[in-house]
Structure formats: structure tokens, C-alpha cells
Amino acid sequence: MAKKTTSKKTPDLAKLTYEQAIERLEAIIEGVESGEIGLEKSLEQAEAGMKLIKHCRGILDRAEKKITELTVTDDGELE
């Protein structure tokens, strides 16, 4: 069972998997879209969401690089 963090501290993003980061991002979106949180909290959540998006993009960029490296032949051609 996944444990949700209710702390105001930013989670250690480096330890999150892509799936965990997406799950947290979806939770932030749901909270903001619900309209049940105030402006200040919405801004905090937006900042946290941007950090999660950056983290996810980094994971995807590294995965893409690995795939490219794995599919390059000795001639430098892509397979």
C-alpha cells in the first residue's frame, strides 16, 4: 500500500520513480481543480507540480538516451 506524504516539505524527487511522480502530479492536479484549496496553497502546489514535471522529463530524457545508445551499431547507424 502506497503511503501518501502530507508534509509540507518537498519530497526527495531523485528517489521517485516516473510512475510515483506522475501519481503525485495527478493528485496535485485533482486538488487544484477541485477548488477546495486557497490561492496560496494552489501556488505551492503549482510549484511542486512544475518540479515533478521537470523530474519526469529528466527520466524520459535519460530513457531515450539509453534506447538510442542501445540501438546504435558499430558503424554508428541506428538499428
PDB file of N, CA and C in Angstrom:
ATOM      1  N   MET A   1       0.840  -1.169   0.000  1.00  0.00           N
ATOM      2  CA  MET A   1       0.000   0.000   0.000  1.00  0.00           C
ATOM      3  C   MET A   1       0.887   1.235   0.000  1.00  0.00           C
ATOM      4  N   ALA A   2       0.600   2.181  -0.904  1.00  0.00           N
ATOM      5  CA  ALA A   2       1.404   3.395  -1.033  1.00  0.00           C
ATOM      6  C   ALA A   2       1.051   4.358   0.085  1.00  0.00           C
ATOM      7  N   LYS A   3       2.070   4.945   0.672  1.00  0.00           N
ATOM      8  CA  LYS A   3       1.887   5.914   1.747  1.00  0.00           C
ATOM      9  C   LYS A   3       1.927   7.314   1.160  1.00  0.00           C
ATOM     10  N   LYS A   4       0.914   8.114   1.464  1.00  0.00           N
ATOM     11  CA  LYS A   4       0.878   9.484   0.956  1.00  0.00           C
ATOM     12  C   LYS A   4       1.535  10.401   1.962  1.00  0.00           C
ATOM     13  N   THR A   5       2.349  11.314   1.447  1.00  0.00           N
ATOM     14  CA  THR A   5       3.031  12.268   2.291  1.00  0.00           C
ATOM     15  C   THR A   5       2.164  13.500   2.452  1.00  0.00           C
ATOM     16  N   THR A   6       1.914  13.890   3.696  1.00  0.00           N
ATOM     17  CA  THR A   6       1.126  15.085   3.943  1.00  0.00           C
ATOM     18  C   THR A   6       2.009  16.222   4.445  1.00  0.00           C
ATOM     19  N   SER A   7       3.280  15.997   4.473  1.00  0.00           N
ATOM     20  CA  SER A   7       4.222  17.007   4.923  1.00  0.00           C
ATOM     21  C   SER A   7       4.291  18.137   3.914  1.00  0.00           C
ATOM     22  N   LYS A   8       4.580  19.345   4.408  1.00  0.00           N
ATOM     23  CA  LYS A   8       4.712  20.499   3.522  1.00  0.00           C
ATOM     24  C   LYS A   8       6.068  20.505   2.829  1.00  0.00           C
ATOM     25  N   LYS A   9       6.994  19.676   3.298  1.00  0.00           N
ATOM     26  CA  LYS A   9       8.316  19.627   2.682  1.00  0.00           C
ATOM     27  C   LYS A   9       8.233  18.993   1.302  1.00  0.00           C
ATOM     28  N   THR A  10       9.100  19.444   0.413  1.00  0.00           N
ATOM     29  CA  THR A  10       9.169  18.873  -0.916  1.00  0.00           C
ATOM     30  C   THR A  10       9.760  17.477  -0.813  1.00  0.00           C
ATOM     31  N   PRO A  11       9.117  16.480  -1.435  1.00  0.00           N
ATOM     32  CA  PRO A  11       9.674  15.132  -1.375  1.00  0.00           C
ATOM     33  C   PRO A  11      10.996  15.070  -2.119  1.00  0.00           C
ATOM     34  N   ASP A  12      11.829  14.119  -1.740  1.00  0.00           N
ATOM     35  CA  ASP A  12      13.102  13.946  -2.427  1.00  0.00           C
ATOM     36  C   ASP A  12      12.802  13.380  -3.813  1.00  0.00           C
ATOM     37  N   LEU A  13      12.733  14.262  -4.782  1.00  0.00           N
ATOM     38  CA  LEU A  13      12.343  13.879  -6.141  1.00  0.00           C
ATOM     39  C   LEU A  13      13.273  12.850  -6.745  1.00  0.00           C
ATOM     40  N   ALA A  14      14.544  12.899  -6.411  1.00  0.00           N
ATOM     41  CA  ALA A  14      15.505  11.982  -7.003  1.00  0.00           C
ATOM     42  C   ALA A  14      15.156  10.528  -6.705  1.00  0.00           C
ATOM     43  N   LYS A  15      14.421  10.300  -5.635  1.00  0.00           N
ATOM     44  CA  LYS A  15      14.073   8.927  -5.251  1.00  0.00           C
ATOM     45  C   LYS A  15      12.767   8.445  -5.876  1.00  0.00           C
ATOM     46  N   LEU A  16      12.019   9.356  -6.482  1.00  0.00           N
ATOM     47  CA  LEU A  16      10.738   8.971  -7.072  1.00  0.00           C
ATOM     48  C   LEU A  16      10.918   8.318  -8.430  1.00  0.00           C
ATOM     49  N   THR A  17      10.161   7.256  -8.657  1.00  0.00           N
ATOM     50  CA  THR A  17      10.118   6.673  -9.991  1.00  0.00           C
ATOM     51  C   THR A  17       9.220   7.557 -10.852  1.00  0.00           C
ATOM     52  N   TYR A  18       9.256   7.317 -12.137  1.00  0.00           N
ATOM     53  CA  TYR A  18       8.397   8.065 -13.062  1.00  0.00           C
ATOM     54  C   TYR A  18       6.927   7.899 -12.654  1.00  0.00           C
ATOM     55  N   GLU A  19       6.542   6.666 -12.368  1.00  0.00           N
ATOM     56  CA  GLU A  19       5.154   6.383 -12.030  1.00  0.00           C
ATOM     57  C   GLU A  19       4.741   7.078 -10.738  1.00  0.00           C
ATOM     58  N   GLN A  20       5.623   7.093  -9.737  1.00  0.00           N
ATOM     59  CA  GLN A  20       5.317   7.765  -8.474  1.00  0.00           C
ATOM     60  C   GLN A  20       5.171   9.277  -8.684  1.00  0.00           C
ATOM     61  N   ALA A  21       6.044   9.843  -9.499  1.00  0.00           N
ATOM     62  CA  ALA A  21       5.987  11.279  -9.769  1.00  0.00           C
ATOM     63  C   ALA A  21       4.689  11.636 -10.494  1.00  0.00           C
ATOM     64  N   ILE A  22       4.303  10.828 -11.460  1.00  0.00           N
ATOM     65  CA  ILE A  22       3.048  11.063 -12.187  1.00  0.00           C
ATOM     66  C   ILE A  22       1.861  10.960 -11.236  1.00  0.00           C
ATOM     67  N   GLU A  23       1.889   9.992 -10.341  1.00  0.00           N
ATOM     68  CA  GLU A  23       0.811   9.829  -9.371  1.00  0.00           C
ATOM     69  C   GLU A  23       0.686  11.076  -8.484  1.00  0.00           C
ATOM     70  N   ARG A  24       1.808  11.591  -8.027  1.00  0.00           N
ATOM     71  CA  ARG A  24       1.782  12.806  -7.196  1.00  0.00           C
ATOM     72  C   ARG A  24       1.305  14.012  -8.010  1.00  0.00           C
ATOM     73  N   LEU A  25       1.734  14.081  -9.253  1.00  0.00           N
ATOM     74  CA  LEU A  25       1.300  15.174 -10.115  1.00  0.00           C
ATOM     75  C   LEU A  25      -0.210  15.124 -10.332  1.00  0.00           C
ATOM     76  N   GLU A  26      -0.748  13.943 -10.561  1.00  0.00           N
ATOM     77  CA  GLU A  26      -2.192  13.790 -10.737  1.00  0.00           C
ATOM     78  C   GLU A  26      -2.944  14.201  -9.478  1.00  0.00           C
ATOM     79  N   ALA A  27      -2.403  13.877  -8.306  1.00  0.00           N
ATOM     80  CA  ALA A  27      -3.037  14.260  -7.040  1.00  0.00           C
ATOM     81  C   ALA A  27      -3.044  15.783  -6.893  1.00  0.00           C
ATOM     82  N   ILE A  28      -1.957  16.422  -7.289  1.00  0.00           N
ATOM     83  CA  ILE A  28      -1.888  17.891  -7.229  1.00  0.00           C
ATOM     84  C   ILE A  28      -2.936  18.498  -8.154  1.00  0.00           C
ATOM     85  N   ILE A  29      -3.022  17.975  -9.359  1.00  0.00           N
ATOM     86  CA  ILE A  29      -3.992  18.495 -10.331  1.00  0.00           C
ATOM     87  C   ILE A  29      -5.413  18.354  -9.797  1.00  0.00           C
ATOM     88  N   GLU A  30      -5.726  17.193  -9.247  1.00  0.00           N
ATOM     89  CA  GLU A  30      -7.066  16.975  -8.690  1.00  0.00           C
ATOM     90  C   GLU A  30      -7.360  17.968  -7.571  1.00  0.00           C
ATOM     91  N   GLY A  31      -6.377  18.204  -6.702  1.00  0.00           N
ATOM     92  CA  GLY A  31      -6.575  19.127  -5.592  1.00  0.00           C
ATOM     93  C   GLY A  31      -6.816  20.553  -6.052  1.00  0.00           C
ATOM     94  N   VAL A  32      -6.034  20.988  -7.029  1.00  0.00           N
ATOM     95  CA  VAL A  32      -6.185  22.355  -7.536  1.00  0.00           C
ATOM     96  C   VAL A  32      -7.499  22.496  -8.298  1.00  0.00           C
ATOM     97  N   GLU A  33      -7.812  21.519  -9.137  1.00  0.00           N
ATOM     98  CA  GLU A  33      -9.043  21.594  -9.928  1.00  0.00           C
ATOM     99  C   GLU A  33     -10.301  21.517  -9.073  1.00  0.00           C
ATOM    100  N   SER A  34     -10.214  20.898  -7.907  1.00  0.00           N
ATOM    101  CA  SER A  34     -11.384  20.772  -7.041  1.00  0.00           C
ATOM    102  C   SER A  34     -11.838  22.121  -6.503  1.00  0.00           C
ATOM    103  N   GLY A  35     -10.907  23.087  -6.470  1.00  0.00           N
ATOM    104  CA  GLY A  35     -11.246  24.412  -5.972  1.00  0.00           C
ATOM    105  C   GLY A  35     -11.364  24.482  -4.468  1.00  0.00           C
ATOM    106  N   GLU A  36     -10.999  23.419  -3.791  1.00  0.00           N
ATOM    107  CA  GLU A  36     -11.142  23.363  -2.342  1.00  0.00           C
ATOM    108  C   GLU A  36      -9.937  23.929  -1.597  1.00  0.00           C
ATOM    109  N   ILE A  37      -8.900  24.305  -2.317  1.00  0.00           N
ATOM    110  CA  ILE A  37      -7.733  24.885  -1.657  1.00  0.00           C
ATOM    111  C   ILE A  37      -7.605  26.344  -2.069  1.00  0.00           C
ATOM    112  N   GLY A  38      -7.027  27.130  -1.200  1.00  0.00           N
ATOM    113  CA  GLY A  38      -6.910  28.555  -1.460  1.00  0.00           C
ATOM    114  C   GLY A  38      -5.826  28.884  -2.470  1.00  0.00           C
ATOM    115  N   LEU A  39      -5.735  30.158  -2.785  1.00  0.00           N
ATOM    116  CA  LEU A  39      -4.782  30.635  -3.780  1.00  0.00           C
ATOM    117  C   LEU A  39      -3.347  30.333  -3.381  1.00  0.00           C
ATOM    118  N   GLU A  40      -2.995  30.640  -2.141  1.00  0.00           N
ATOM    119  CA  GLU A  40      -1.620  30.413  -1.691  1.00  0.00           C
ATOM    120  C   GLU A  40      -1.232  28.940  -1.802  1.00  0.00           C
ATOM    121  N   LYS A  41      -2.104  28.061  -1.359  1.00  0.00           N
ATOM    122  CA  LYS A  41      -1.843  26.624  -1.439  1.00  0.00           C
ATOM    123  C   LYS A  41      -1.800  26.177  -2.901  1.00  0.00           C
ATOM    124  N   SER A  42      -2.650  26.755  -3.738  1.00  0.00           N
ATOM    125  CA  SER A  42      -2.645  26.421  -5.162  1.00  0.00           C
ATOM    126  C   SER A  42      -1.302  26.778  -5.792  1.00  0.00           C
ATOM    127  N   LEU A  43      -0.751  27.932  -5.409  1.00  0.00           N
ATOM    128  CA  LEU A  43       0.557  28.341  -5.932  1.00  0.00           C
ATOM    129  C   LEU A  43       1.657  27.385  -5.472  1.00  0.00           C
ATOM    130  N   GLU A  44       1.600  26.967  -4.209  1.00  0.00           N
ATOM    131  CA  GLU A  44       2.573  25.998  -3.700  1.00  0.00           C
ATOM    132  C   GLU A  44       2.473  24.687  -4.483  1.00  0.00           C
ATOM    133  N   GLN A  45       1.244  24.273  -4.721  1.00  0.00           N
ATOM    134  CA  GLN A  45       1.025  23.022  -5.452  1.00  0.00           C
ATOM    135  C   GLN A  45       1.487  23.142  -6.904  1.00  0.00           C
ATOM    136  N   ALA A  46       1.277  24.308  -7.499  1.00  0.00           N
ATOM    137  CA  ALA A  46       1.742  24.526  -8.871  1.00  0.00           C
ATOM    138  C   ALA A  46       3.260  24.437  -8.943  1.00  0.00           C
ATOM    139  N   GLU A  47       3.939  25.006  -7.955  1.00  0.00           N
ATOM    140  CA  GLU A  47       5.400  24.928  -7.914  1.00  0.00           C
ATOM    141  C   GLU A  47       5.863  23.479  -7.753  1.00  0.00           C
ATOM    142  N   ALA A  48       5.216  22.749  -6.874  1.00  0.00           N
ATOM    143  CA  ALA A  48       5.559  21.337  -6.687  1.00  0.00           C
ATOM    144  C   ALA A  48       5.305  20.556  -7.972  1.00  0.00           C
ATOM    145  N   GLY A  49       4.212  20.886  -8.653  1.00  0.00           N
ATOM    146  CA  GLY A  49       3.892  20.218  -9.914  1.00  0.00           C
ATOM    147  C   GLY A  49       4.939  20.473 -10.983  1.00  0.00           C
ATOM    148  N   MET A  50       5.436  21.691 -11.055  1.00  0.00           N
ATOM    149  CA  MET A  50       6.476  22.016 -12.037  1.00  0.00           C
ATOM    150  C   MET A  50       7.754  21.224 -11.756  1.00  0.00           C
ATOM    151  N   LYS A  51       8.082  21.059 -10.490  1.00  0.00           N
ATOM    152  CA  LYS A  51       9.266  20.267 -10.123  1.00  0.00           C
ATOM    153  C   LYS A  51       9.065  18.801 -10.510  1.00  0.00           C
ATOM    154  N   LEU A  52       7.859  18.291 -10.312  1.00  0.00           N
ATOM    155  CA  LEU A  52       7.567  16.913 -10.700  1.00  0.00           C
ATOM    156  C   LEU A  52       7.659  16.734 -12.209  1.00  0.00           C
ATOM    157  N   ILE A  53       7.148  17.710 -12.962  1.00  0.00           N
ATOM    158  CA  ILE A  53       7.224  17.644 -14.426  1.00  0.00           C
ATOM    159  C   ILE A  53       8.676  17.644 -14.881  1.00  0.00           C
ATOM    160  N   LYS A  54       9.481  18.490 -14.289  1.00  0.00           N
ATOM    161  CA  LYS A  54      10.910  18.542 -14.631  1.00  0.00           C
ATOM    162  C   LYS A  54      11.579  17.201 -14.330  1.00  0.00           C
ATOM    163  N   HIS A  55      11.245  16.622 -13.204  1.00  0.00           N
ATOM    164  CA  HIS A  55      11.802  15.320 -12.826  1.00  0.00           C
ATOM    165  C   HIS A  55      11.393  14.249 -13.844  1.00  0.00           C
ATOM    166  N   CYS A  56      10.126  14.239 -14.226  1.00  0.00           N
ATOM    167  CA  CYS A  56       9.638  13.251 -15.204  1.00  0.00           C
ATOM    168  C   CYS A  56      10.324  13.425 -16.554  1.00  0.00           C
ATOM    169  N   ARG A  57      10.492  14.666 -16.984  1.00  0.00           N
ATOM    170  CA  ARG A  57      11.178  14.914 -18.258  1.00  0.00           C
ATOM    171  C   ARG A  57      12.616  14.403 -18.206  1.00  0.00           C
ATOM    172  N   GLY A  58      13.275  14.588 -17.077  1.00  0.00           N
ATOM    173  CA  GLY A  58      14.639  14.083 -16.920  1.00  0.00           C
ATOM    174  C   GLY A  58      14.692  12.569 -17.043  1.00  0.00           C
ATOM    175  N   ILE A  59      13.736  11.890 -16.412  1.00  0.00           N
ATOM    176  CA  ILE A  59      13.670  10.428 -16.504  1.00  0.00           C
ATOM    177  C   ILE A  59      13.455  10.007 -17.947  1.00  0.00           C
ATOM    178  N   LEU A  60      12.533  10.664 -18.640  1.00  0.00           N
ATOM    179  CA  LEU A  60      12.254  10.325 -20.035  1.00  0.00           C
ATOM    180  C   LEU A  60      13.453  10.609 -20.937  1.00  0.00           C
ATOM    181  N   ASP A  61      14.141  11.716 -20.695  1.00  0.00           N
ATOM    182  CA  ASP A  61      15.335  12.039 -21.491  1.00  0.00           C
ATOM    183  C   ASP A  61      16.419  10.982 -21.311  1.00  0.00           C
ATOM    184  N   ARG A  62      16.617  10.542 -20.065  1.00  0.00           N
ATOM    185  CA  ARG A  62      17.633   9.506 -19.811  1.00  0.00           C
ATOM    186  C   ARG A  62      17.246   8.182 -20.467  1.00  0.00           C
ATOM    187  N   ALA A  63      15.953   7.860 -20.427  1.00  0.00           N
ATOM    188  CA  ALA A  63      15.484   6.622 -21.053  1.00  0.00           C
ATOM    189  C   ALA A  63      15.687   6.680 -22.562  1.00  0.00           C
ATOM    190  N   GLU A  64      15.369   7.822 -23.152  1.00  0.00           N
ATOM    191  CA  GLU A  64      15.547   7.992 -24.594  1.00  0.00           C
ATOM    192  C   GLU A  64      17.018   7.853 -24.974  1.00  0.00           C
ATOM    193  N   LYS A  65      17.898   8.437 -24.171  1.00  0.00           N
ATOM    194  CA  LYS A  65      19.326   8.345 -24.444  1.00  0.00           C
ATOM    195  C   LYS A  65      19.801   6.894 -24.368  1.00  0.00           C
ATOM    196  N   LYS A  66      19.331   6.161 -23.374  1.00  0.00           N
ATOM    197  CA  LYS A  66      19.711   4.751 -23.235  1.00  0.00           C
ATOM    198  C   LYS A  66      19.248   3.947 -24.447  1.00  0.00           C
ATOM    199  N   ILE A  67      18.018   4.205 -24.881  1.00  0.00           N
ATOM    200  CA  ILE A  67      17.488   3.483 -26.044  1.00  0.00           C
ATOM    201  C   ILE A  67      18.319   3.786 -27.273  1.00  0.00           C
ATOM    202  N   THR A  68      18.669   5.046 -27.462  1.00  0.00           N
ATOM    203  CA  THR A  68      19.482   5.438 -28.609  1.00  0.00           C
ATOM    204  C   THR A  68      20.838   4.760 -28.552  1.00  0.00           C
ATOM    205  N   GLU A  69      21.457   4.737 -27.390  1.00  0.00           N
ATOM    206  CA  GLU A  69      22.767   4.102 -27.238  1.00  0.00           C
ATOM    207  C   GLU A  69      22.697   2.605 -27.499  1.00  0.00           C
ATOM    208  N   LEU A  70      21.610   1.984 -27.095  1.00  0.00           N
ATOM    209  CA  LEU A  70      21.464   0.537 -27.273  1.00  0.00           C
ATOM    210  C   LEU A  70      21.175   0.153 -28.711  1.00  0.00           C
ATOM    211  N   THR A  71      20.676   1.083 -29.514  1.00  0.00           N
ATOM    212  CA  THR A  71      20.296   0.740 -30.874  1.00  0.00           C
ATOM    213  C   THR A  71      21.255   1.260 -31.924  1.00  0.00           C
ATOM    214  N   VAL A  72      22.406   1.770 -31.521  1.00  0.00           N
ATOM    215  CA  VAL A  72      23.403   2.253 -32.465  1.00  0.00           C
ATOM    216  C   VAL A  72      24.377   1.105 -32.779  1.00  0.00           C
ATOM    217  N   THR A  73      24.585   0.836 -34.075  1.00  0.00           N
ATOM    218  CA  THR A  73      25.503  -0.227 -34.472  1.00  0.00           C
ATOM    219  C   THR A  73      26.944   0.277 -34.374  1.00  0.00           C
ATOM    220  N   ASP A  74      27.879  -0.618 -34.603  1.00  0.00           N
ATOM    221  CA  ASP A  74      29.301  -0.246 -34.588  1.00  0.00           C
ATOM    222  C   ASP A  74      29.623   0.813 -35.651  1.00  0.00           C
ATOM    223  N   ASP A  75      28.839   0.826 -36.725  1.00  0.00           N
ATOM    224  CA  ASP A  75      29.023   1.803 -37.804  1.00  0.00           C
ATOM    225  C   ASP A  75      28.421   3.162 -37.453  1.00  0.00           C
ATOM    226  N   GLY A  76      27.763   3.252 -36.316  1.00  0.00           N
ATOM    227  CA  GLY A  76      27.108   4.491 -35.954  1.00  0.00           C
ATOM    228  C   GLY A  76      25.716   4.606 -36.510  1.00  0.00           C
ATOM    229  N   GLU A  77      25.222   3.564 -37.145  1.00  0.00           N
ATOM    230  CA  GLU A  77      23.878   3.554 -37.728  1.00  0.00           C
ATOM    231  C   GLU A  77      22.866   3.091 -36.683  1.00  0.00           C
ATOM    232  N   LEU A  78      21.668   3.618 -36.801  1.00  0.00           N
ATOM    233  CA  LEU A  78      20.595   3.168 -35.922  1.00  0.00           C
ATOM    234  C   LEU A  78      19.983   1.893 -36.455  1.00  0.00           C
ATOM    235  N   GLU A  79      19.711   0.952 -35.562  1.00  0.00           N
ATOM    236  CA  GLU A  79      19.061  -0.299 -35.941  1.00  0.00           C
ATOM    237  C   GLU A  79      17.589  -0.197 -35.681  1.00  0.00           C
TER     238      GLU A  79
END
